[in-house]
N, C-alpha and C. Protein backbone atom coordinates (compact mmCIF):
# COMPACT_ATOMS: atom_id res chain seq x y z
N MET A 1 13.34 -4.14 22.81
CA MET A 1 12.34 -5.13 22.47
C MET A 1 12.61 -6.40 23.27
N GLU A 2 11.56 -6.89 23.88
CA GLU A 2 11.69 -8.09 24.69
C GLU A 2 10.96 -9.29 24.11
N GLU A 3 9.90 -9.03 23.35
CA GLU A 3 9.11 -10.11 22.78
C GLU A 3 8.96 -9.91 21.28
N PRO A 4 8.73 -11.00 20.53
CA PRO A 4 8.60 -10.86 19.08
C PRO A 4 7.49 -9.89 18.64
N LEU A 5 6.39 -9.86 19.37
CA LEU A 5 5.29 -8.98 18.98
C LEU A 5 5.59 -7.51 19.21
N ASP A 6 6.66 -7.21 19.96
CA ASP A 6 7.05 -5.82 20.17
C ASP A 6 7.42 -5.14 18.85
N LEU A 7 8.00 -5.89 17.93
CA LEU A 7 8.35 -5.33 16.62
C LEU A 7 7.09 -4.97 15.84
N ILE A 8 6.08 -5.81 15.93
CA ILE A 8 4.82 -5.51 15.25
C ILE A 8 4.14 -4.31 15.91
N LYS A 9 4.26 -4.21 17.23
CA LYS A 9 3.67 -3.08 17.95
C LYS A 9 4.23 -1.75 17.44
N LEU A 10 5.52 -1.74 17.07
CA LEU A 10 6.14 -0.53 16.53
C LEU A 10 5.61 -0.18 15.14
N SER A 11 4.95 -1.14 14.49
CA SER A 11 4.47 -0.95 13.12
C SER A 11 3.01 -0.50 13.06
N ILE A 12 2.40 -0.21 14.19
CA ILE A 12 1.02 0.29 14.19
C ILE A 12 0.98 1.59 13.39
N ASP A 13 -0.02 1.72 12.53
CA ASP A 13 -0.23 2.86 11.64
C ASP A 13 0.85 2.99 10.57
N GLU A 14 1.57 1.90 10.30
CA GLU A 14 2.56 1.85 9.22
C GLU A 14 2.11 0.80 8.22
N ARG A 15 2.66 0.86 7.00
CA ARG A 15 2.36 -0.15 5.98
C ARG A 15 3.23 -1.38 6.24
N VAL A 16 2.60 -2.55 6.29
CA VAL A 16 3.30 -3.81 6.53
C VAL A 16 3.03 -4.78 5.39
N TYR A 17 3.88 -5.78 5.28
CA TYR A 17 3.72 -6.86 4.32
C TYR A 17 3.35 -8.11 5.12
N VAL A 18 2.30 -8.80 4.70
CA VAL A 18 1.85 -10.02 5.39
C VAL A 18 1.79 -11.15 4.37
N LYS A 19 2.58 -12.20 4.60
CA LYS A 19 2.55 -13.40 3.76
C LYS A 19 1.58 -14.36 4.42
N CYS A 20 0.64 -14.87 3.63
CA CYS A 20 -0.38 -15.77 4.16
C CYS A 20 -0.29 -17.13 3.48
N ARG A 21 -1.01 -18.09 4.06
CA ARG A 21 -1.11 -19.41 3.43
C ARG A 21 -1.79 -19.29 2.08
N ASN A 22 -1.67 -20.36 1.28
CA ASN A 22 -2.32 -20.44 -0.03
C ASN A 22 -1.87 -19.35 -0.99
N ASP A 23 -0.58 -19.00 -0.92
CA ASP A 23 0.03 -18.05 -1.87
C ASP A 23 -0.69 -16.71 -1.93
N ARG A 24 -1.04 -16.18 -0.77
CA ARG A 24 -1.65 -14.85 -0.68
C ARG A 24 -0.66 -13.90 -0.01
N GLU A 25 -0.62 -12.69 -0.52
CA GLU A 25 0.23 -11.64 0.06
C GLU A 25 -0.62 -10.40 0.26
N LEU A 26 -0.39 -9.74 1.38
CA LEU A 26 -1.13 -8.52 1.70
C LEU A 26 -0.15 -7.41 2.00
N ARG A 27 -0.47 -6.23 1.53
CA ARG A 27 0.28 -5.03 1.89
C ARG A 27 -0.75 -4.00 2.32
N GLY A 28 -0.60 -3.50 3.55
CA GLY A 28 -1.59 -2.54 4.02
C GLY A 28 -1.15 -1.87 5.30
N ARG A 29 -1.95 -0.91 5.74
CA ARG A 29 -1.66 -0.15 6.95
C ARG A 29 -2.23 -0.90 8.15
N LEU A 30 -1.37 -1.20 9.11
CA LEU A 30 -1.75 -1.97 10.30
C LEU A 30 -2.42 -1.07 11.32
N HIS A 31 -3.64 -1.44 11.71
CA HIS A 31 -4.36 -0.66 12.72
C HIS A 31 -4.39 -1.35 14.07
N ALA A 32 -4.51 -2.68 14.07
CA ALA A 32 -4.59 -3.40 15.34
C ALA A 32 -4.19 -4.85 15.13
N PHE A 33 -3.76 -5.50 16.22
CA PHE A 33 -3.42 -6.93 16.19
C PHE A 33 -3.55 -7.47 17.60
N ASP A 34 -3.58 -8.79 17.72
CA ASP A 34 -3.58 -9.41 19.05
C ASP A 34 -2.52 -10.51 19.11
N GLN A 35 -2.48 -11.23 20.22
CA GLN A 35 -1.45 -12.24 20.42
C GLN A 35 -1.57 -13.42 19.46
N HIS A 36 -2.72 -13.56 18.80
CA HIS A 36 -2.91 -14.64 17.82
C HIS A 36 -2.55 -14.19 16.40
N LEU A 37 -2.12 -12.95 16.27
CA LEU A 37 -1.83 -12.29 14.99
C LEU A 37 -3.07 -12.04 14.14
N ASN A 38 -4.24 -12.02 14.78
CA ASN A 38 -5.40 -11.46 14.10
C ASN A 38 -5.07 -9.99 13.88
N MET A 39 -5.37 -9.46 12.69
CA MET A 39 -4.99 -8.09 12.37
C MET A 39 -6.11 -7.35 11.66
N VAL A 40 -6.11 -6.05 11.84
CA VAL A 40 -6.97 -5.17 11.06
C VAL A 40 -6.06 -4.31 10.20
N LEU A 41 -6.27 -4.40 8.88
CA LEU A 41 -5.47 -3.64 7.92
C LEU A 41 -6.38 -2.75 7.10
N SER A 42 -5.88 -1.60 6.69
CA SER A 42 -6.63 -0.74 5.77
C SER A 42 -5.76 -0.48 4.54
N GLU A 43 -6.38 0.07 3.50
CA GLU A 43 -5.68 0.38 2.24
C GLU A 43 -4.90 -0.85 1.77
N VAL A 44 -5.58 -1.99 1.73
CA VAL A 44 -4.93 -3.29 1.50
C VAL A 44 -4.85 -3.60 0.01
N GLU A 45 -3.67 -4.04 -0.41
CA GLU A 45 -3.48 -4.61 -1.74
C GLU A 45 -3.22 -6.10 -1.55
N GLU A 46 -4.13 -6.92 -2.05
CA GLU A 46 -4.02 -8.37 -1.91
C GLU A 46 -3.58 -8.96 -3.24
N THR A 47 -2.57 -9.82 -3.21
CA THR A 47 -2.10 -10.51 -4.40
C THR A 47 -2.22 -12.01 -4.17
N ILE A 48 -2.91 -12.68 -5.10
CA ILE A 48 -3.08 -14.13 -5.04
C ILE A 48 -2.33 -14.73 -6.22
N THR A 49 -1.40 -15.63 -5.95
CA THR A 49 -0.63 -16.29 -6.99
C THR A 49 -1.19 -17.68 -7.20
N ASP A 50 -1.53 -18.00 -8.44
CA ASP A 50 -2.10 -19.30 -8.78
C ASP A 50 -1.17 -19.98 -9.79
N THR A 51 -0.83 -21.23 -9.53
CA THR A 51 0.06 -21.99 -10.41
C THR A 51 -0.68 -23.20 -10.96
N GLU A 52 -0.68 -23.32 -12.28
CA GLU A 52 -1.30 -24.47 -12.94
C GLU A 52 -0.29 -25.09 -13.89
N GLU A 53 -0.53 -26.33 -14.23
CA GLU A 53 0.33 -27.01 -15.20
C GLU A 53 -0.45 -27.22 -16.49
N ASP A 54 0.15 -26.79 -17.61
CA ASP A 54 -0.47 -26.99 -18.92
C ASP A 54 -0.42 -28.48 -19.24
N GLU A 55 -1.58 -29.07 -19.51
CA GLU A 55 -1.66 -30.51 -19.74
C GLU A 55 -0.93 -30.94 -21.00
N GLU A 56 -0.92 -30.11 -22.03
CA GLU A 56 -0.29 -30.47 -23.30
C GLU A 56 1.23 -30.35 -23.25
N THR A 57 1.72 -29.23 -22.72
CA THR A 57 3.17 -28.98 -22.76
C THR A 57 3.86 -29.33 -21.44
N GLY A 58 3.12 -29.43 -20.37
CA GLY A 58 3.73 -29.69 -19.07
C GLY A 58 4.34 -28.45 -18.44
N GLU A 59 4.17 -27.29 -19.09
CA GLU A 59 4.72 -26.05 -18.56
C GLU A 59 3.90 -25.57 -17.37
N GLU A 60 4.58 -24.89 -16.49
CA GLU A 60 3.92 -24.31 -15.33
C GLU A 60 3.43 -22.91 -15.70
N ILE A 61 2.15 -22.66 -15.49
CA ILE A 61 1.57 -21.36 -15.80
C ILE A 61 1.27 -20.66 -14.48
N VAL A 62 1.88 -19.48 -14.30
CA VAL A 62 1.70 -18.72 -13.08
C VAL A 62 0.85 -17.50 -13.40
N SER A 63 -0.21 -17.31 -12.64
CA SER A 63 -1.04 -16.11 -12.80
C SER A 63 -1.18 -15.41 -11.46
N LYS A 64 -1.19 -14.09 -11.52
CA LYS A 64 -1.34 -13.29 -10.30
C LYS A 64 -2.59 -12.44 -10.43
N LYS A 65 -3.38 -12.45 -9.38
CA LYS A 65 -4.57 -11.62 -9.32
C LYS A 65 -4.39 -10.63 -8.18
N THR A 66 -4.69 -9.39 -8.45
CA THR A 66 -4.54 -8.34 -7.44
C THR A 66 -5.86 -7.62 -7.26
N ARG A 67 -6.16 -7.29 -6.01
CA ARG A 67 -7.34 -6.48 -5.73
C ARG A 67 -7.03 -5.56 -4.56
N THR A 68 -7.78 -4.50 -4.45
CA THR A 68 -7.62 -3.58 -3.33
C THR A 68 -8.86 -3.64 -2.46
N VAL A 69 -8.63 -3.54 -1.17
CA VAL A 69 -9.71 -3.61 -0.18
C VAL A 69 -9.51 -2.45 0.78
N GLY A 70 -10.58 -1.75 1.10
CA GLY A 70 -10.48 -0.61 2.00
C GLY A 70 -10.11 -0.99 3.42
N MET A 71 -10.78 -2.01 3.97
CA MET A 71 -10.51 -2.45 5.35
C MET A 71 -10.65 -3.96 5.38
N LEU A 72 -9.73 -4.63 6.08
CA LEU A 72 -9.70 -6.09 6.08
C LEU A 72 -9.34 -6.62 7.46
N PHE A 73 -10.08 -7.63 7.90
CA PHE A 73 -9.73 -8.36 9.12
C PHE A 73 -9.03 -9.64 8.69
N VAL A 74 -7.83 -9.88 9.19
CA VAL A 74 -7.04 -11.06 8.83
C VAL A 74 -6.98 -11.99 10.04
N ARG A 75 -7.42 -13.23 9.85
CA ARG A 75 -7.33 -14.21 10.94
C ARG A 75 -5.87 -14.63 11.11
N GLY A 76 -5.42 -14.68 12.33
CA GLY A 76 -4.03 -15.00 12.61
C GLY A 76 -3.59 -16.39 12.19
N ASP A 77 -4.53 -17.34 12.07
CA ASP A 77 -4.12 -18.71 11.73
C ASP A 77 -3.70 -18.86 10.28
N ILE A 78 -3.92 -17.85 9.43
CA ILE A 78 -3.43 -17.94 8.05
C ILE A 78 -2.12 -17.19 7.84
N VAL A 79 -1.68 -16.45 8.86
CA VAL A 79 -0.48 -15.61 8.73
C VAL A 79 0.77 -16.48 8.84
N VAL A 80 1.66 -16.33 7.86
CA VAL A 80 2.94 -17.03 7.86
C VAL A 80 4.06 -16.09 8.29
N LEU A 81 4.01 -14.84 7.81
CA LEU A 81 5.09 -13.89 8.07
C LEU A 81 4.53 -12.48 8.08
N VAL A 82 5.05 -11.64 8.96
CA VAL A 82 4.73 -10.22 8.98
C VAL A 82 6.03 -9.46 8.90
N SER A 83 6.14 -8.60 7.90
CA SER A 83 7.35 -7.80 7.75
C SER A 83 7.02 -6.34 8.01
N PRO A 84 7.69 -5.74 8.99
CA PRO A 84 7.45 -4.32 9.26
C PRO A 84 8.07 -3.46 8.17
N PRO A 85 7.74 -2.18 8.14
CA PRO A 85 8.34 -1.31 7.14
C PRO A 85 9.84 -1.17 7.35
N LEU A 86 10.56 -0.88 6.27
CA LEU A 86 12.00 -0.66 6.39
C LEU A 86 12.24 0.64 7.13
N ARG A 87 13.14 0.59 8.07
CA ARG A 87 13.49 1.80 8.84
C ARG A 87 14.94 2.13 8.53
N THR A 88 15.17 3.34 8.08
CA THR A 88 16.53 3.72 7.69
C THR A 88 17.28 4.43 8.81
N SER A 89 16.57 4.87 9.83
CA SER A 89 17.28 5.57 10.90
C SER A 89 17.31 4.77 12.18
């Protein structure tokens, strides 16, 4: 591997984890990407974490919403991290 994107290139047609801005997480099969980290994912599970503060008690309330999407185009400017699948060999 010579460039950082070479690791992502090895993950084509594999399930990857993508951390996005605004507390969004994606897990899906990577089909394509470019130098801007625009990506096409399929079989996507999206998790959105929302944090609110209870006005009466001051406690932090965390809620997670999950949805599945068949095919998704992800703009590279929202991508914070891309984790390839674990390789044991």
